[in-house]
Protein backbone atom coordinates (compact mmCIF):
# COMPACT_ATOMS: atom_id res chain seq x y z
CA UNK A 1 -36.00 -5.98 0.56
CA UNK A 2 -36.66 -3.39 3.29
CA UNK A 3 -34.94 -0.09 2.53
CA UNK A 4 -33.62 0.20 6.10
CA UNK A 5 -31.29 -2.76 5.52
CA UNK A 6 -29.59 -0.93 2.67
CA UNK A 7 -29.25 2.20 4.77
CA UNK A 8 -27.87 0.30 7.76
CA UNK A 9 -25.38 -1.59 5.59
CA UNK A 10 -24.18 1.60 3.91
CA UNK A 11 -23.86 3.47 7.24
CA UNK A 12 -21.93 0.63 8.85
CA UNK A 13 -19.69 0.36 5.79
CA UNK A 14 -18.83 4.05 6.00
CA UNK A 15 -18.07 3.80 9.72
CA UNK A 16 -15.85 0.74 9.14
CA UNK A 17 -14.04 2.66 6.41
CA UNK A 18 -13.42 5.53 8.81
CA UNK A 19 -11.25 3.22 10.93
CA UNK A 20 -8.03 4.29 9.23
CA UNK A 21 -5.67 1.55 10.27
CA UNK A 22 -2.47 3.48 9.61
CA UNK A 23 -3.51 6.41 11.77
CA UNK A 24 -4.46 4.34 14.79
CA UNK A 25 -1.56 1.89 14.49
CA UNK A 26 1.00 4.71 14.38
CA UNK A 27 -0.74 6.41 17.28
CA UNK A 28 -0.62 3.18 19.26
CA UNK A 29 3.01 2.38 18.46
CA UNK A 30 4.60 5.87 18.55
CA UNK A 31 2.07 8.26 20.02
CA UNK A 32 2.46 10.42 16.90
CA UNK A 33 0.11 11.56 14.16
CA UNK A 34 1.00 9.85 10.88
CA UNK A 35 -0.27 12.93 9.04
CA UNK A 36 2.76 14.76 10.42
CA UNK A 37 5.21 12.06 9.38
CA UNK A 38 6.74 10.84 6.13
CA UNK A 39 4.56 11.75 3.16
CA UNK A 40 1.73 12.83 5.46
CA UNK A 41 -0.69 10.33 3.98
CA UNK A 42 -2.86 7.98 5.99
CA UNK A 43 -2.02 4.73 4.25
CA UNK A 44 0.06 1.58 4.26
CA UNK A 45 3.07 2.93 2.37
CA UNK A 46 3.47 5.84 4.78
CA UNK A 47 2.96 3.54 7.74
CA UNK A 48 5.74 1.42 6.25
CA UNK A 49 8.03 4.45 6.25
CA UNK A 50 7.31 5.02 9.93
CA UNK A 51 6.98 1.45 11.26
CA UNK A 52 8.83 -0.64 8.66
CA UNK A 53 7.58 -3.60 6.65
CA UNK A 54 5.60 -5.02 9.54
CA UNK A 55 3.68 -1.75 9.80
CA UNK A 56 2.93 -1.78 6.10
CA UNK A 57 1.69 -5.37 6.26
CA UNK A 58 -0.51 -4.73 9.29
CA UNK A 59 -2.09 -1.69 7.69
CA UNK A 60 -2.70 -3.54 4.43
CA UNK A 61 -4.38 -6.40 6.25
CA UNK A 62 -6.41 -4.08 8.50
CA UNK A 63 -7.60 -1.95 5.59
CA UNK A 64 -8.52 -5.02 3.52
CA UNK A 65 -10.30 -6.60 6.48
CA UNK A 66 -12.67 -3.65 6.97
CA UNK A 67 -13.64 -3.85 3.30
CA UNK A 68 -14.34 -7.55 3.69
CA UNK A 69 -16.31 -7.03 6.93
CA UNK A 70 -18.48 -4.36 5.29
CA UNK A 71 -19.52 -6.78 2.55
CA UNK A 72 -20.02 -9.73 4.92
CA UNK A 73 -22.26 -7.62 7.17
CA UNK A 74 -24.27 -6.43 4.15
CA UNK A 75 -24.69 -10.01 2.97
CA UNK A 76 -25.81 -11.01 6.47
CA UNK A 77 -28.55 -8.34 6.21
CA UNK A 78 -29.57 -9.68 2.83
CA UNK A 79 -28.51 -6.72 0.72
CA UNK A 80 -28.81 -7.45 -3.01
CA UNK A 81 -26.07 -7.21 -5.65
CA UNK A 82 -26.72 -3.58 -6.57
CA UNK A 83 -26.91 -2.66 -2.90
CA UNK A 84 -23.51 -4.26 -2.42
CA UNK A 85 -22.10 -1.86 -5.01
CA UNK A 86 -23.21 1.01 -2.77
CA UNK A 87 -21.70 -0.71 0.25
CA UNK A 88 -18.34 -1.01 -1.51
CA UNK A 89 -18.48 2.68 -2.40
CA UNK A 90 -19.44 3.57 1.21
CA UNK A 91 -16.56 1.69 2.85
CA UNK A 92 -14.16 3.26 0.37
CA UNK A 93 -15.61 6.71 1.03
CA UNK A 94 -15.09 6.19 4.76
CA UNK A 95 -11.46 5.23 4.16
CA UNK A 96 -10.69 8.06 1.74
CA UNK A 97 -12.78 10.72 3.56
CA UNK A 98 -13.00 9.72 7.28
CA UNK A 99 -15.11 12.21 9.19
CA UNK A 100 -13.01 12.02 12.39
CA UNK A 101 -9.85 12.95 10.46
CA UNK A 102 -11.43 15.95 8.76
CA UNK A 103 -12.12 13.90 5.65
CA UNK A 104 -8.43 13.27 4.84
CA UNK A 105 -7.71 9.56 4.77
CA UNK A 106 -5.95 6.94 2.68
CA UNK A 107 -6.07 5.92 -0.95
CA UNK A 108 -8.34 2.89 -0.65
CA UNK A 109 -6.63 0.17 -2.76
CA UNK A 110 -6.38 -2.42 0.06
CA UNK A 111 -9.91 -1.65 1.26
CA UNK A 112 -11.24 -2.17 -2.27
CA UNK A 113 -9.44 -5.52 -2.64
CA UNK A 114 -10.91 -6.68 0.71
CA UNK A 115 -14.39 -5.60 -0.34
CA UNK A 116 -14.06 -7.38 -3.70
CA UNK A 117 -12.94 -10.57 -1.93
CA UNK A 118 -16.26 -10.50 -0.07
CA UNK A 119 -18.25 -9.54 -3.19
CA UNK A 120 -16.65 -12.00 -5.62
CA UNK A 121 -13.21 -13.35 -4.80
CA UNK A 122 -12.57 -14.16 -8.48
CA UNK A 123 -12.51 -10.42 -9.28
CA UNK A 124 -9.83 -9.94 -6.58
CA UNK A 125 -7.87 -12.87 -8.10
CA UNK A 126 -8.15 -11.23 -11.52
CA UNK A 127 -6.75 -7.94 -10.17
CA UNK A 128 -3.94 -9.78 -8.38
CA UNK A 129 -3.03 -11.58 -11.60
CA UNK A 130 -3.04 -8.35 -13.60
CA UNK A 131 -0.92 -6.71 -10.94
CA UNK A 132 1.75 -9.45 -11.05
CA UNK A 133 1.96 -9.26 -14.84
CA UNK A 134 2.16 -5.45 -14.86
CA UNK A 135 4.67 -5.36 -12.00
CA UNK A 136 6.94 -7.69 -14.00
CA UNK A 137 6.72 -5.24 -16.90
CA UNK A 138 7.00 -1.90 -15.11
CA UNK A 139 8.77 -2.76 -11.84
CA UNK A 140 6.65 -0.14 -10.08
CA UNK A 141 4.24 -1.03 -7.29
CA UNK A 142 2.12 2.09 -7.84
CA UNK A 143 1.97 1.89 -11.65
CA UNK A 144 1.19 -1.85 -11.64
CA UNK A 145 -1.47 -1.49 -8.96
CA UNK A 146 -3.28 1.42 -10.64
CA UNK A 147 -3.16 -0.16 -14.07
CA UNK A 148 -4.45 -3.46 -12.70
CA UNK A 149 -7.42 -1.68 -11.12
CA UNK A 150 -8.06 0.28 -14.31
CA UNK A 151 -7.96 -2.80 -16.55
CA UNK A 152 -10.05 -5.06 -14.30
CA UNK A 153 -13.49 -3.68 -15.35
CA UNK A 154 -12.47 -3.96 -19.03
CA UNK A 155 -11.39 -7.56 -18.44
CA UNK A 156 -14.76 -8.33 -16.83
CA UNK A 157 -16.55 -6.93 -19.91
CA UNK A 158 -14.35 -9.02 -22.21
CA UNK A 159 -15.16 -12.13 -20.14
CA UNK A 160 -18.87 -11.41 -20.45
CA UNK A 161 -19.57 -10.77 -16.79
CA UNK A 162 -22.89 -9.24 -15.67
CA UNK A 163 -23.29 -5.44 -15.62
CA UNK A 164 -23.58 -5.40 -11.81
CA UNK A 165 -20.16 -7.11 -11.47
CA UNK A 166 -18.62 -4.57 -13.83
CA UNK A 167 -20.21 -1.73 -11.87
CA UNK A 168 -19.04 -3.21 -8.55
CA UNK A 169 -15.50 -2.96 -9.89
CA UNK A 170 -15.56 0.11 -12.14
CA UNK A 171 -17.27 2.57 -9.78
CA UNK A 172 -14.98 1.87 -6.79
CA UNK A 173 -11.93 1.91 -9.07
CA UNK A 174 -12.84 5.44 -10.11
CA UNK A 175 -12.86 6.47 -6.44
CA UNK A 176 -9.44 4.86 -5.87
CA UNK A 177 -8.00 6.55 -8.96
CA UNK A 178 -9.41 9.85 -7.73
CA UNK A 179 -7.67 9.34 -4.40
CA UNK A 180 -4.43 8.56 -6.27
CA UNK A 181 -4.62 11.58 -8.57
CA UNK A 182 -1.50 13.17 -7.07
CA UNK A 183 0.49 9.96 -7.51
CA UNK A 184 -0.72 9.69 -11.09
CA UNK A 185 0.25 13.31 -11.82
CA UNK A 186 3.72 12.77 -10.30
CA UNK A 187 4.26 9.59 -12.35
CA UNK A 188 3.22 11.32 -15.56
CA UNK A 189 5.43 14.31 -14.85
CA UNK A 190 8.36 12.05 -13.96
CA UNK A 191 7.93 10.10 -17.18
CA UNK A 192 7.81 13.32 -19.22
CA UNK A 193 10.97 14.59 -17.51
CA UNK A 194 12.82 11.34 -18.23
CA UNK A 195 11.74 11.37 -21.90
CA UNK A 196 12.36 14.95 -23.11
CA UNK A 197 11.41 16.03 -26.59
CA UNK A 198 13.91 16.56 -29.46
CA UNK A 199 14.41 20.25 -28.69
CA UNK A 200 15.19 19.52 -25.06
CA UNK A 201 17.65 16.80 -25.94
CA UNK A 202 19.52 19.16 -28.25
CA UNK A 203 19.69 21.75 -25.51
CA UNK A 204 17.65 24.31 -27.49
């Protein structure tokens, strides 16, 4: 396959990723910069704080759609399976590090799900199923979502899926976990604070 098709697909994927839905939706609806509001993040949850549930839903759909479009465009060009892995990484990179916002974007979970729907919708179904199970256990949207993403590549290995499918899930998941590192740190610190050691409980 001509190399230019890979390069075009990757470049388009990055540019699609740079369209940070939360930033532009909040600009359109309020005229304000979402980076100066709420938690300061450019993602669905912060858009929900500013615009309510409808804002959260619109951002989630918009971010997922650009991931899906990146994969559909790459397939239209005839990009192979390993090239699609790079396309998924590119659209995520655009979302997490958008050039026009000084490389400070969102966390990428919705964009990854949209891209995986285009790559292999069964992987997205697997992640959704893991999320529902984990949410029932932990009652935390963030914890359930991150654990579902983390466990998905392991589940694909257990089910005997091809290496390329595992890579198409594992590599992007690492990017999303990297983008969520502050959330992960806060969750771990909060858990440690709520479960003090024996000395702390005795007040020593």
